[in-house]
Amino acid sequence: MITRAIYRAISIPGAPAPYDRASLKLYYPARRQDTEEERNTGVVAADTSGTPFPVVIMMPGINVGPEAYGWLARHLAGQGVVTVTYTLIAEEMPGYISLTPGLSLAALAPGSCGRQPSATAVAPILEDLAKVNDKGVLAGKLDLARVVLGGHSAGGTVALLNARPDWFPGVCAAFSYGAHTGAATALGYAADSMFDTPSQLPTLIIGGSRDGCIANSGARYGEGDASASGRVEKTFDVALSSSRGDCYLAVIEGANHFSLAWPLDDTTGRPFIDLPTTEPDESLRQLLAELIGQFVRASCTGDTDARSSLEQSLLQGHPLVKRGARR
């Protein structure tokens, strides 16, 4: 089995031109058949041994290119999971044009939060996945009743706040890295306020003990906690309101804000305010891939071995897990 990918283009309803388009890349498990058509087109058939495949929609951090999550998508494809990365550019705030996970700030305003989706890209991505599942190399290969919202940084916050199957049918779980649900005072919230998560689905919240971007962004939320993982942990402890038994926290020793993004592009975003990692980057990525893969398999397929491995790492003292918890 190998990993292959296809590209797609979608429109974003309601977005003003030229920000009403996004490009997708779908990574999938494939198997070479060495046919003439395959050699001529470069299109490789899906490996049907694990179909239909669950799907991860990977939501990027602000100004973090989708290629930064390709390594994780390849890892997940090796475990029978299709992963969607995407490029969407928007002017979320006046004068600031950036690559974005797709976020409606109006939907997060006081009085509006929780009443409508704040994720602007998820619905059109799901609509396009239905088309992919109807025709082409992945026709009939996707399980759109098993879709996981995943995200990094701002994308992780969007994933956590929008993990609602009543908004997005088929969404069955969510994970985040380097993300929290602190409510910015610029939106009109009191200092140190938190958005509640929907708390309807299995959830994995991961943070790093060396997250300089979170530590150096405390002024956005009222300066009540300027630590690297405090708001990540508070998201799990406070903003996650229900104790389901399938929601997890992992604070990774030595990991920083961009440990999930590789290779790191330091020409965009805010890597200059991050802290250096204190563990080998490859070891950190390996652990992140294992935890995310185990969580996705446990949540989407009921894989008891994956759940056992996940809980062993988080609850029984993995050397790189500074704090692990379940609720």
C-alpha atoms as a PDB file:
ATOM      1  CA  MET A   1       0.000   0.000   0.000  1.00  0.00           C
ATOM      2  CA  ILE A   2       1.159   3.519  -0.836  1.00  0.00           C
ATOM      3  CA  THR A   3      -0.234   7.004  -0.291  1.00  0.00           C
ATOM      4  CA  ARG A   4      -1.573   8.955  -3.240  1.00  0.00           C
ATOM      5  CA  ALA A   5      -3.590  12.156  -3.490  1.00  0.00           C
ATOM      6  CA  ILE A   6      -6.018  13.982  -5.726  1.00  0.00           C
ATOM      7  CA  TYR A   7      -6.813  17.682  -5.978  1.00  0.00           C
ATOM      8  CA  ARG A   8     -10.199  19.379  -5.926  1.00  0.00           C
ATOM      9  CA  ALA A   9     -11.495  22.946  -6.143  1.00  0.00           C
ATOM     10  CA  ILE A  10     -14.561  24.189  -4.309  1.00  0.00           C
ATOM     11  CA  SER A  11     -16.501  27.405  -3.814  1.00  0.00           C
ATOM     12  CA  ILE A  12     -17.190  28.948  -0.402  1.00  0.00           C
ATOM     13  CA  PRO A  13     -20.805  30.178  -0.383  1.00  0.00           C
ATOM     14  CA  GLY A  14     -21.258  33.687   0.940  1.00  0.00           C
ATOM     15  CA  ALA A  15     -17.576  34.613   0.754  1.00  0.00           C
ATOM     16  CA  PRO A  16     -16.725  37.706  -1.329  1.00  0.00           C
ATOM     17  CA  ALA A  17     -14.608  37.287  -4.451  1.00  0.00           C
ATOM     18  CA  PRO A  18     -11.760  36.533  -4.795  1.00  0.00           C
ATOM     19  CA  TYR A  19     -11.920  34.712  -1.444  1.00  0.00           C
ATOM     20  CA  ASP A  20     -14.778  32.439  -2.482  1.00  0.00           C
ATOM     21  CA  ARG A  21     -12.627  29.552  -3.679  1.00  0.00           C
ATOM     22  CA  ALA A  22     -10.551  26.879  -1.945  1.00  0.00           C
ATOM     23  CA  SER A  23      -8.323  24.075  -3.197  1.00  0.00           C
ATOM     24  CA  LEU A  24      -8.346  20.628  -1.577  1.00  0.00           C
ATOM     25  CA  LYS A  25      -5.856  17.783  -1.492  1.00  0.00           C
ATOM     26  CA  LEU A  26      -7.222  14.349  -0.569  1.00  0.00           C
ATOM     27  CA  TYR A  27      -4.642  11.803   0.602  1.00  0.00           C
ATOM     28  CA  TYR A  28      -5.789   8.186   0.335  1.00  0.00           C
ATOM     29  CA  PRO A  29      -4.457   4.619   0.652  1.00  0.00           C
ATOM     30  CA  ALA A  30      -3.636   3.303  -2.815  1.00  0.00           C
ATOM     31  CA  ARG A  31      -2.232   0.215  -4.495  1.00  0.00           C
ATOM     32  CA  ARG A  32      -0.294   0.258  -7.758  1.00  0.00           C
ATOM     33  CA  GLN A  33      -1.708  -1.966 -10.499  1.00  0.00           C
ATOM     34  CA  ASP A  34       0.859  -0.967 -13.139  1.00  0.00           C
ATOM     35  CA  THR A  35      -1.750  -0.488 -15.838  1.00  0.00           C
ATOM     36  CA  GLU A  36      -1.253   1.593 -18.976  1.00  0.00           C
ATOM     37  CA  GLU A  37      -3.910   4.058 -17.816  1.00  0.00           C
ATOM     38  CA  GLU A  38      -2.177   4.403 -14.476  1.00  0.00           C
ATOM     39  CA  ARG A  39       1.156   5.140 -16.134  1.00  0.00           C
ATOM     40  CA  ASN A  40      -0.402   7.660 -18.521  1.00  0.00           C
ATOM     41  CA  THR A  41      -2.586   9.569 -16.049  1.00  0.00           C
ATOM     42  CA  GLY A  42      -0.794   9.152 -12.748  1.00  0.00           C
ATOM     43  CA  VAL A  43      -4.099   8.183 -11.139  1.00  0.00           C
ATOM     44  CA  VAL A  44      -3.614   5.190  -8.844  1.00  0.00           C
ATOM     45  CA  ALA A  45      -6.570   3.139  -7.655  1.00  0.00           C
ATOM     46  CA  ALA A  46      -7.519   3.115  -4.006  1.00  0.00           C
ATOM     47  CA  ASP A  47      -6.543   0.137  -1.898  1.00  0.00           C
ATOM     48  CA  THR A  48      -9.927  -1.466  -1.337  1.00  0.00           C
ATOM     49  CA  SER A  49      -8.887  -3.651   1.597  1.00  0.00           C
ATOM     50  CA  GLY A  50     -10.036  -1.089   4.174  1.00  0.00           C
ATOM     51  CA  THR A  51     -12.943   0.568   2.428  1.00  0.00           C
ATOM     52  CA  PRO A  52     -14.996   2.518   3.102  1.00  0.00           C
ATOM     53  CA  PHE A  53     -12.403   4.858   4.586  1.00  0.00           C
ATOM     54  CA  PRO A  54     -13.104   7.242   7.455  1.00  0.00           C
ATOM     55  CA  VAL A  55     -12.152  10.833   6.660  1.00  0.00           C
ATOM     56  CA  VAL A  56     -10.185  13.492   8.533  1.00  0.00           C
ATOM     57  CA  ILE A  57     -10.648  17.142   7.575  1.00  0.00           C
ATOM     58  CA  MET A  58      -7.417  18.817   8.674  1.00  0.00           C
ATOM     59  CA  MET A  59      -7.985  22.505   9.429  1.00  0.00           C
ATOM     60  CA  PRO A  60      -4.808  24.625   9.237  1.00  0.00           C
ATOM     61  CA  GLY A  61      -3.429  27.270  11.506  1.00  0.00           C
ATOM     62  CA  ILE A  62      -3.438  30.868  10.286  1.00  0.00           C
ATOM     63  CA  ASN A  63      -0.834  31.221   7.524  1.00  0.00           C
ATOM     64  CA  VAL A  64       0.304  27.606   7.832  1.00  0.00           C
ATOM     65  CA  GLY A  65       0.353  25.989   4.406  1.00  0.00           C
ATOM     66  CA  PRO A  66      -1.388  22.627   3.935  1.00  0.00           C
ATOM     67  CA  GLU A  67       1.890  20.950   3.005  1.00  0.00           C
ATOM     68  CA  ALA A  68       2.860  21.223   6.681  1.00  0.00           C
ATOM     69  CA  TYR A  69       0.308  18.518   7.470  1.00  0.00           C
ATOM     70  CA  GLY A  70       1.200  16.221   4.585  1.00  0.00           C
ATOM     71  CA  TRP A  71       3.388  14.045   6.812  1.00  0.00           C
ATOM     72  CA  LEU A  72       0.421  13.418   9.132  1.00  0.00           C
ATOM     73  CA  ALA A  73      -1.895  12.739   6.183  1.00  0.00           C
ATOM     74  CA  ARG A  74       0.552  10.123   4.890  1.00  0.00           C
ATOM     75  CA  HIS A  75       0.664   8.488   8.321  1.00  0.00           C
ATOM     76  CA  LEU A  76      -3.126   8.346   8.501  1.00  0.00           C
ATOM     77  CA  ALA A  77      -3.405   6.989   4.961  1.00  0.00           C
ATOM     78  CA  GLY A  78      -1.179   4.126   6.044  1.00  0.00           C
ATOM     79  CA  GLN A  79      -3.841   3.319   8.632  1.00  0.00           C
ATOM     80  CA  GLY A  80      -6.727   3.402   6.188  1.00  0.00           C
ATOM     81  CA  VAL A  81      -7.852   6.998   6.722  1.00  0.00           C
ATOM     82  CA  VAL A  82      -8.432   9.587   3.995  1.00  0.00           C
ATOM     83  CA  THR A  83      -7.229  13.064   4.981  1.00  0.00           C
ATOM     84  CA  VAL A  84      -8.294  16.356   3.418  1.00  0.00           C
ATOM     85  CA  THR A  85      -5.982  19.370   3.591  1.00  0.00           C
ATOM     86  CA  TYR A  86      -6.932  22.640   1.983  1.00  0.00           C
ATOM     87  CA  THR A  87      -5.906  26.154   1.036  1.00  0.00           C
ATOM     88  CA  LEU A  88      -8.360  28.965   1.738  1.00  0.00           C
ATOM     89  CA  ILE A  89      -7.341  32.625   1.748  1.00  0.00           C
ATOM     90  CA  ALA A  90      -9.536  35.260   3.347  1.00  0.00           C
ATOM     91  CA  GLU A  91      -9.577  38.710   4.870  1.00  0.00           C
ATOM     92  CA  GLU A  92     -10.939  37.601   8.234  1.00  0.00           C
ATOM     93  CA  MET A  93     -10.048  40.959   9.800  1.00  0.00           C
ATOM     94  CA  PRO A  94      -9.942  44.221   7.815  1.00  0.00           C
ATOM     95  CA  GLY A  95      -6.508  44.698   6.296  1.00  0.00           C
ATOM     96  CA  TYR A  96      -5.231  41.214   7.186  1.00  0.00           C
ATOM     97  CA  ILE A  97      -5.249  38.721   4.326  1.00  0.00           C
ATOM     98  CA  SER A  98      -4.148  35.263   5.351  1.00  0.00           C
ATOM     99  CA  LEU A  99      -4.408  31.561   4.783  1.00  0.00           C
ATOM    100  CA  THR A 100      -7.161  30.451   7.130  1.00  0.00           C
ATOM    101  CA  PRO A 101      -9.113  27.413   8.322  1.00  0.00           C
ATOM    102  CA  GLY A 102     -12.286  29.355   7.446  1.00  0.00           C
ATOM    103  CA  LEU A 103     -13.717  31.230  10.390  1.00  0.00           C
ATOM    104  CA  SER A 104     -16.745  33.470  10.861  1.00  0.00           C
ATOM    105  CA  LEU A 105     -15.928  35.961  13.611  1.00  0.00           C
ATOM    106  CA  ALA A 106     -19.552  37.139  13.564  1.00  0.00           C
ATOM    107  CA  ALA A 107     -20.634  33.631  14.603  1.00  0.00           C
ATOM    108  CA  LEU A 108     -18.365  33.916  17.659  1.00  0.00           C
ATOM    109  CA  ALA A 109     -19.659  37.285  18.816  1.00  0.00           C
ATOM    110  CA  PRO A 110     -21.452  37.545  22.172  1.00  0.00           C
ATOM    111  CA  GLY A 111     -25.021  36.385  21.754  1.00  0.00           C
ATOM    112  CA  SER A 112     -24.218  34.459  18.572  1.00  0.00           C
ATOM    113  CA  CYS A 113     -21.681  31.838  19.650  1.00  0.00           C
ATOM    114  CA  GLY A 114     -23.137  28.347  19.687  1.00  0.00           C
ATOM    115  CA  ARG A 115     -26.167  29.277  17.612  1.00  0.00           C
ATOM    116  CA  GLN A 116     -24.601  28.745  14.198  1.00  0.00           C
ATOM    117  CA  PRO A 117     -21.414  27.245  12.771  1.00  0.00           C
ATOM    118  CA  SER A 118     -18.302  29.397  12.863  1.00  0.00           C
ATOM    119  CA  ALA A 119     -16.526  27.062  10.402  1.00  0.00           C
ATOM    120  CA  THR A 120     -17.052  28.366   6.875  1.00  0.00           C
ATOM    121  CA  ALA A 121     -15.171  25.660   4.962  1.00  0.00           C
ATOM    122  CA  VAL A 122     -16.539  22.456   6.500  1.00  0.00           C
ATOM    123  CA  ALA A 123     -19.954  22.358   4.804  1.00  0.00           C
ATOM    124  CA  PRO A 124     -18.606  22.937   1.258  1.00  0.00           C
ATOM    125  CA  ILE A 125     -15.843  20.377   1.865  1.00  0.00           C
ATOM    126  CA  LEU A 126     -18.421  17.806   2.966  1.00  0.00           C
ATOM    127  CA  GLU A 127     -20.535  18.596  -0.095  1.00  0.00           C
ATOM    128  CA  ASP A 128     -17.549  18.023  -2.358  1.00  0.00           C
ATOM    129  CA  LEU A 129     -16.638  14.784  -0.586  1.00  0.00           C
ATOM    130  CA  ALA A 130     -20.090  13.499  -1.493  1.00  0.00           C
ATOM    131  CA  LYS A 131     -19.265  14.213  -5.145  1.00  0.00           C
ATOM    132  CA  VAL A 132     -15.893  12.468  -4.795  1.00  0.00           C
ATOM    133  CA  ASN A 133     -17.670   9.473  -3.307  1.00  0.00           C
ATOM    134  CA  ASP A 134     -20.005   9.355  -6.303  1.00  0.00           C
ATOM    135  CA  LYS A 135     -17.538   9.493  -9.174  1.00  0.00           C
ATOM    136  CA  GLY A 136     -13.822   9.009  -9.754  1.00  0.00           C
ATOM    137  CA  VAL A 137     -10.960   7.145  -8.153  1.00  0.00           C
ATOM    138  CA  LEU A 138     -12.557   7.285  -4.678  1.00  0.00           C
ATOM    139  CA  ALA A 139     -16.126   6.525  -5.741  1.00  0.00           C
ATOM    140  CA  GLY A 140     -17.799   4.444  -3.050  1.00  0.00           C
ATOM    141  CA  LYS A 141     -14.609   4.433  -0.986  1.00  0.00           C
ATOM    142  CA  LEU A 142     -15.430   7.121   1.612  1.00  0.00           C
ATOM    143  CA  ASP A 143     -17.442   6.602   4.771  1.00  0.00           C
ATOM    144  CA  LEU A 144     -19.040  10.019   5.163  1.00  0.00           C
ATOM    145  CA  ALA A 145     -20.758   8.914   8.345  1.00  0.00           C
ATOM    146  CA  ARG A 146     -17.284   8.792   9.948  1.00  0.00           C
ATOM    147  CA  VAL A 147     -15.726  12.220   9.497  1.00  0.00           C
ATOM    148  CA  VAL A 148     -13.289  13.684  12.028  1.00  0.00           C
ATOM    149  CA  LEU A 149     -12.637  17.411  12.326  1.00  0.00           C
ATOM    150  CA  GLY A 150      -8.977  17.959  13.146  1.00  0.00           C
ATOM    151  CA  GLY A 151      -7.011  21.143  13.403  1.00  0.00           C
ATOM    152  CA  HIS A 152      -3.877  22.998  14.420  1.00  0.00           C
ATOM    153  CA  SER A 153      -3.804  26.343  16.238  1.00  0.00           C
ATOM    154  CA  ALA A 154      -6.763  28.424  15.012  1.00  0.00           C
ATOM    155  CA  GLY A 155      -7.845  25.424  12.955  1.00  0.00           C
ATOM    156  CA  GLY A 156      -7.925  23.347  16.116  1.00  0.00           C
ATOM    157  CA  THR A 157     -10.166  25.914  17.804  1.00  0.00           C
ATOM    158  CA  VAL A 158     -12.511  25.834  14.807  1.00  0.00           C
ATOM    159  CA  ALA A 159     -12.568  22.038  14.957  1.00  0.00           C
ATOM    160  CA  LEU A 160     -13.387  22.001  18.679  1.00  0.00           C
ATOM    161  CA  LEU A 161     -16.147  24.604  18.414  1.00  0.00           C
ATOM    162  CA  ASN A 162     -17.833  23.014  15.405  1.00  0.00           C
ATOM    163  CA  ALA A 163     -17.813  19.304  16.263  1.00  0.00           C
ATOM    164  CA  ARG A 164     -21.583  19.048  16.059  1.00  0.00           C
ATOM    165  CA  PRO A 165     -23.309  16.435  13.902  1.00  0.00           C
ATOM    166  CA  ASP A 166     -26.495  18.516  13.906  1.00  0.00           C
ATOM    167  CA  TRP A 167     -24.528  21.199  12.052  1.00  0.00           C
ATOM    168  CA  PHE A 168     -22.361  18.848  10.010  1.00  0.00           C
ATOM    169  CA  PRO A 169     -23.920  15.399   9.523  1.00  0.00           C
ATOM    170  CA  GLY A 170     -21.348  12.629   9.564  1.00  0.00           C
ATOM    171  CA  VAL A 171     -18.911  14.346  11.907  1.00  0.00           C
ATOM    172  CA  CYS A 172     -18.125  11.788  14.610  1.00  0.00           C
ATOM    173  CA  ALA A 173     -15.076  13.146  16.508  1.00  0.00           C
ATOM    174  CA  ALA A 174     -12.647  16.055  16.810  1.00  0.00           C
ATOM    175  CA  PHE A 175      -8.998  16.608  17.684  1.00  0.00           C
ATOM    176  CA  SER A 176      -6.806  19.676  18.084  1.00  0.00           C
ATOM    177  CA  TYR A 177      -3.168  20.575  18.560  1.00  0.00           C
ATOM    178  CA  GLY A 178      -1.894  23.878  19.945  1.00  0.00           C
ATOM    179  CA  ALA A 179      -5.442  25.191  20.299  1.00  0.00           C
ATOM    180  CA  HIS A 180      -7.786  26.374  23.022  1.00  0.00           C
ATOM    181  CA  THR A 181     -11.205  28.001  23.283  1.00  0.00           C
ATOM    182  CA  GLY A 182     -10.225  31.241  25.002  1.00  0.00           C
ATOM    183  CA  ALA A 183     -12.556  34.072  23.939  1.00  0.00           C
ATOM    184  CA  ALA A 184     -10.692  37.165  22.708  1.00  0.00           C
ATOM    185  CA  THR A 185     -11.481  40.407  24.492  1.00  0.00           C
ATOM    186  CA  ALA A 186     -11.504  42.122  21.064  1.00  0.00           C
ATOM    187  CA  LEU A 187     -14.747  40.265  20.335  1.00  0.00           C
ATOM    188  CA  GLY A 188     -16.366  41.828  23.381  1.00  0.00           C
ATOM    189  CA  TYR A 189     -15.744  39.134  25.983  1.00  0.00           C
ATOM    190  CA  ALA A 190     -14.568  39.675  29.535  1.00  0.00           C
ATOM    191  CA  ALA A 191     -10.977  38.808  30.366  1.00  0.00           C
ATOM    192  CA  ASP A 192     -10.238  35.099  30.690  1.00  0.00           C
ATOM    193  CA  SER A 193     -13.582  34.009  29.206  1.00  0.00           C
ATOM    194  CA  MET A 194     -13.813  30.635  27.484  1.00  0.00           C
ATOM    195  CA  PHE A 195     -16.034  29.388  24.692  1.00  0.00           C
ATOM    196  CA  ASP A 196     -17.707  26.134  25.698  1.00  0.00           C
ATOM    197  CA  THR A 197     -17.132  23.226  23.344  1.00  0.00           C
ATOM    198  CA  PRO A 198     -20.225  21.352  22.112  1.00  0.00           C
ATOM    199  CA  SER A 199     -19.060  18.297  24.130  1.00  0.00           C
ATOM    200  CA  GLN A 200     -21.117  15.982  21.934  1.00  0.00           C
ATOM    201  CA  LEU A 201     -18.400  13.776  20.435  1.00  0.00           C
ATOM    202  CA  PRO A 202     -15.138  11.998  21.255  1.00  0.00           C
ATOM    203  CA  THR A 203     -12.436  14.650  21.536  1.00  0.00           C
ATOM    204  CA  LEU A 204      -8.635  14.706  21.747  1.00  0.00           C
ATOM    205  CA  ILE A 205      -7.015  17.973  22.876  1.00  0.00           C
ATOM    206  CA  ILE A 206      -3.217  18.109  22.548  1.00  0.00           C
ATOM    207  CA  GLY A 207      -0.835  20.858  23.571  1.00  0.00           C
ATOM    208  CA  GLY A 208       2.882  21.375  24.021  1.00  0.00           C
ATOM    209  CA  SER A 209       4.760  22.366  27.158  1.00  0.00           C
ATOM    210  CA  ARG A 210       6.861  24.765  25.029  1.00  0.00           C
ATOM    211  CA  ASP A 211       4.065  26.503  23.106  1.00  0.00           C
ATOM    212  CA  GLY A 212       5.455  30.009  22.816  1.00  0.00           C
ATOM    213  CA  CYS A 213       2.684  31.226  20.522  1.00  0.00           C
ATOM    214  CA  ILE A 214       0.050  30.551  23.172  1.00  0.00           C
ATOM    215  CA  ALA A 215       2.296  31.816  25.972  1.00  0.00           C
ATOM    216  CA  ASN A 216       2.993  35.061  24.096  1.00  0.00           C
ATOM    217  CA  SER A 217      -0.615  35.687  23.072  1.00  0.00           C
ATOM    218  CA  GLY A 218      -2.089  36.072  26.533  1.00  0.00           C
ATOM    219  CA  ALA A 219      -2.959  39.739  25.951  1.00  0.00           C
ATOM    220  CA  ARG A 220      -5.643  38.645  23.491  1.00  0.00           C
ATOM    221  CA  TYR A 221      -7.562  36.966  26.296  1.00  0.00           C
ATOM    222  CA  GLY A 222      -6.887  39.174  29.309  1.00  0.00           C
ATOM    223  CA  GLU A 223      -3.465  37.972  30.488  1.00  0.00           C
ATOM    224  CA  GLY A 224      -4.964  35.699  33.144  1.00  0.00           C
ATOM    225  CA  ASP A 225      -2.796  32.806  31.982  1.00  0.00           C
ATOM    226  CA  ALA A 226       0.362  33.363  29.956  1.00  0.00           C
ATOM    227  CA  SER A 227       1.655  29.790  30.295  1.00  0.00           C
ATOM    228  CA  ALA A 228       2.345  27.497  27.372  1.00  0.00           C
ATOM    229  CA  SER A 229      -0.411  24.977  28.035  1.00  0.00           C
ATOM    230  CA  GLY A 230      -2.685  26.588  30.630  1.00  0.00           C
ATOM    231  CA  ARG A 231      -5.514  27.525  28.276  1.00  0.00           C
ATOM    232  CA  VAL A 232      -5.214  24.204  26.454  1.00  0.00           C
ATOM    233  CA  GLU A 233      -5.688  22.422  29.763  1.00  0.00           C
ATOM    234  CA  LYS A 234      -8.502  24.781  30.762  1.00  0.00           C
ATOM    235  CA  THR A 235     -10.270  23.936  27.513  1.00  0.00           C
ATOM    236  CA  PHE A 236     -10.259  20.295  28.580  1.00  0.00           C
ATOM    237  CA  ASP A 237     -10.972  20.901  32.258  1.00  0.00           C
ATOM    238  CA  VAL A 238     -13.606  23.636  31.949  1.00  0.00           C
ATOM    239  CA  ALA A 239     -14.834  24.234  28.379  1.00  0.00           C
ATOM    240  CA  LEU A 240     -15.453  20.514  27.798  1.00  0.00           C
ATOM    241  CA  SER A 241     -18.628  20.234  29.810  1.00  0.00           C
ATOM    242  CA  SER A 242     -19.512  16.552  29.726  1.00  0.00           C
ATOM    243  CA  SER A 243     -17.653  13.519  31.042  1.00  0.00           C
ATOM    244  CA  ARG A 244     -18.183  11.036  28.217  1.00  0.00           C
ATOM    245  CA  GLY A 245     -15.268   8.720  28.933  1.00  0.00           C
ATOM    246  CA  ASP A 246     -13.927   9.137  25.381  1.00  0.00           C
ATOM    247  CA  CYS A 247     -12.437  12.642  25.622  1.00  0.00           C
ATOM    248  CA  TYR A 248      -8.697  13.010  26.181  1.00  0.00           C
ATOM    249  CA  LEU A 249      -6.018  15.553  27.006  1.00  0.00           C
ATOM    250  CA  ALA A 250      -2.325  15.230  26.166  1.00  0.00           C
ATOM    251  CA  VAL A 251       0.278  17.848  27.084  1.00  0.00           C
ATOM    252  CA  ILE A 252       3.499  16.844  25.340  1.00  0.00           C
ATOM    253  CA  GLU A 253       6.781  17.556  27.103  1.00  0.00           C
ATOM    254  CA  GLY A 254       9.154  19.621  24.981  1.00  0.00           C
ATOM    255  CA  ALA A 255       6.733  20.243  22.093  1.00  0.00           C
ATOM    256  CA  ASN A 256       6.126  23.760  20.819  1.00  0.00           C
ATOM    257  CA  HIS A 257       3.339  25.388  18.804  1.00  0.00           C
ATOM    258  CA  PHE A 258       4.626  24.196  15.455  1.00  0.00           C
ATOM    259  CA  SER A 259       5.611  20.648  16.385  1.00  0.00           C
ATOM    260  CA  LEU A 260       2.661  19.422  14.302  1.00  0.00           C
ATOM    261  CA  ALA A 261       3.734  21.446  11.246  1.00  0.00           C
ATOM    262  CA  TRP A 262       6.596  19.991   9.218  1.00  0.00           C
ATOM    263  CA  PRO A 263       8.508  21.124   7.329  1.00  0.00           C
ATOM    264  CA  LEU A 264       8.122  24.477   9.047  1.00  0.00           C
ATOM    265  CA  ASP A 265       7.794  27.520   6.799  1.00  0.00           C
ATOM    266  CA  ASP A 266       9.124  30.447   8.805  1.00  0.00           C
ATOM    267  CA  THR A 267       8.237  33.043   6.145  1.00  0.00           C
ATOM    268  CA  THR A 268       4.612  33.250   7.310  1.00  0.00           C
ATOM    269  CA  GLY A 269       2.714  32.982  10.570  1.00  0.00           C
ATOM    270  CA  ARG A 270       4.289  33.627  13.963  1.00  0.00           C
ATOM    271  CA  PRO A 271       7.003  31.025  14.511  1.00  0.00           C
ATOM    272  CA  PHE A 272       9.290  33.827  15.714  1.00  0.00           C
ATOM    273  CA  ILE A 273       7.351  34.021  19.011  1.00  0.00           C
ATOM    274  CA  ASP A 274       7.446  30.265  19.581  1.00  0.00           C
ATOM    275  CA  LEU A 275       9.784  28.593  22.052  1.00  0.00           C
ATOM    276  CA  PRO A 276      12.415  26.066  20.935  1.00  0.00           C
ATOM    277  CA  THR A 277      11.565  22.420  21.419  1.00  0.00           C
ATOM    278  CA  THR A 278      13.479  20.518  24.088  1.00  0.00           C
ATOM    279  CA  GLU A 279      12.935  17.025  22.682  1.00  0.00           C
ATOM    280  CA  PRO A 280      13.907  15.680  19.243  1.00  0.00           C
ATOM    281  CA  ASP A 281      11.383  16.977  16.708  1.00  0.00           C
ATOM    282  CA  GLU A 282      11.133  13.588  14.997  1.00  0.00           C
ATOM    283  CA  SER A 283      10.257  11.912  18.298  1.00  0.00           C
ATOM    284  CA  LEU A 284       7.601  14.527  18.974  1.00  0.00           C
ATOM    285  CA  ARG A 285       6.013  14.061  15.540  1.00  0.00           C
ATOM    286  CA  GLN A 286       6.092  10.298  15.951  1.00  0.00           C
ATOM    287  CA  LEU A 287       4.192  10.570  19.222  1.00  0.00           C
ATOM    288  CA  LEU A 288       1.687  13.042  17.784  1.00  0.00           C
ATOM    289  CA  ALA A 289       1.043  10.777  14.805  1.00  0.00           C
ATOM    290  CA  GLU A 290       0.556   7.785  17.070  1.00  0.00           C
ATOM    291  CA  LEU A 291      -1.860   9.569  19.391  1.00  0.00           C
ATOM    292  CA  ILE A 292      -3.920  11.079  16.566  1.00  0.00           C
ATOM    293  CA  GLY A 293      -3.988   7.830  14.595  1.00  0.00           C
ATOM    294  CA  GLN A 294      -5.039   5.835  17.651  1.00  0.00           C
ATOM    295  CA  PHE A 295      -7.741   8.354  18.500  1.00  0.00           C
ATOM    296  CA  VAL A 296      -9.139   8.397  14.958  1.00  0.00           C
ATOM    297  CA  ARG A 297      -9.231   4.608  14.732  1.00  0.00           C
ATOM    298  CA  ALA A 298     -10.785   4.252  18.192  1.00  0.00           C
ATOM    299  CA  SER A 299     -13.404   6.907  17.478  1.00  0.00           C
ATOM    300  CA  CYS A 300     -14.261   5.914  13.915  1.00  0.00           C
ATOM    301  CA  THR A 301     -13.947   2.136  13.944  1.00  0.00           C
ATOM    302  CA  GLY A 302     -14.277   1.161  17.585  1.00  0.00           C
ATOM    303  CA  ASP A 303     -10.775  -0.292  17.459  1.00  0.00           C
ATOM    304  CA  THR A 304     -10.284  -1.451  21.058  1.00  0.00           C
ATOM    305  CA  ASP A 305      -6.554  -2.024  20.587  1.00  0.00           C
ATOM    306  CA  ALA A 306      -6.147   1.559  19.384  1.00  0.00           C
ATOM    307  CA  ARG A 307      -8.114   2.875  22.357  1.00  0.00           C
ATOM    308  CA  SER A 308      -6.039   0.759  24.729  1.00  0.00           C
ATOM    309  CA  SER A 309      -2.792   2.067  23.223  1.00  0.00           C
ATOM    310  CA  LEU A 310      -4.026   5.648  23.380  1.00  0.00           C
ATOM    311  CA  GLU A 311      -5.026   5.357  27.021  1.00  0.00           C
ATOM    312  CA  GLN A 312      -1.807   3.564  27.925  1.00  0.00           C
ATOM    313  CA  SER A 313       0.211   6.465  26.517  1.00  0.00           C
ATOM    314  CA  LEU A 314      -1.927   9.145  28.153  1.00  0.00           C
ATOM    315  CA  LEU A 315      -2.806   7.575  31.476  1.00  0.00           C
ATOM    316  CA  GLN A 316       0.098   5.283  32.288  1.00  0.00           C
ATOM    317  CA  GLY A 317       3.084   7.581  32.092  1.00  0.00           C
ATOM    318  CA  HIS A 318       4.510   7.854  28.570  1.00  0.00           C
ATOM    319  CA  PRO A 319       7.866   9.634  29.040  1.00  0.00           C
ATOM    320  CA  LEU A 320       6.879  12.503  26.699  1.00  0.00           C
ATOM    321  CA  VAL A 321       3.378  13.025  28.115  1.00  0.00           C
ATOM    322  CA  LYS A 322       3.622  15.730  30.756  1.00  0.00           C
ATOM    323  CA  ARG A 323      -0.088  15.463  31.537  1.00  0.00           C
ATOM    324  CA  GLY A 324      -2.592  12.969  30.195  1.00  0.00           C
ATOM    325  CA  ALA A 325      -6.238  12.767  31.214  1.00  0.00           C
ATOM    326  CA  ARG A 326      -9.576  11.257  30.244  1.00  0.00           C
ATOM    327  CA  ARG A 327     -13.105  12.327  30.981  1.00  0.00           C
END
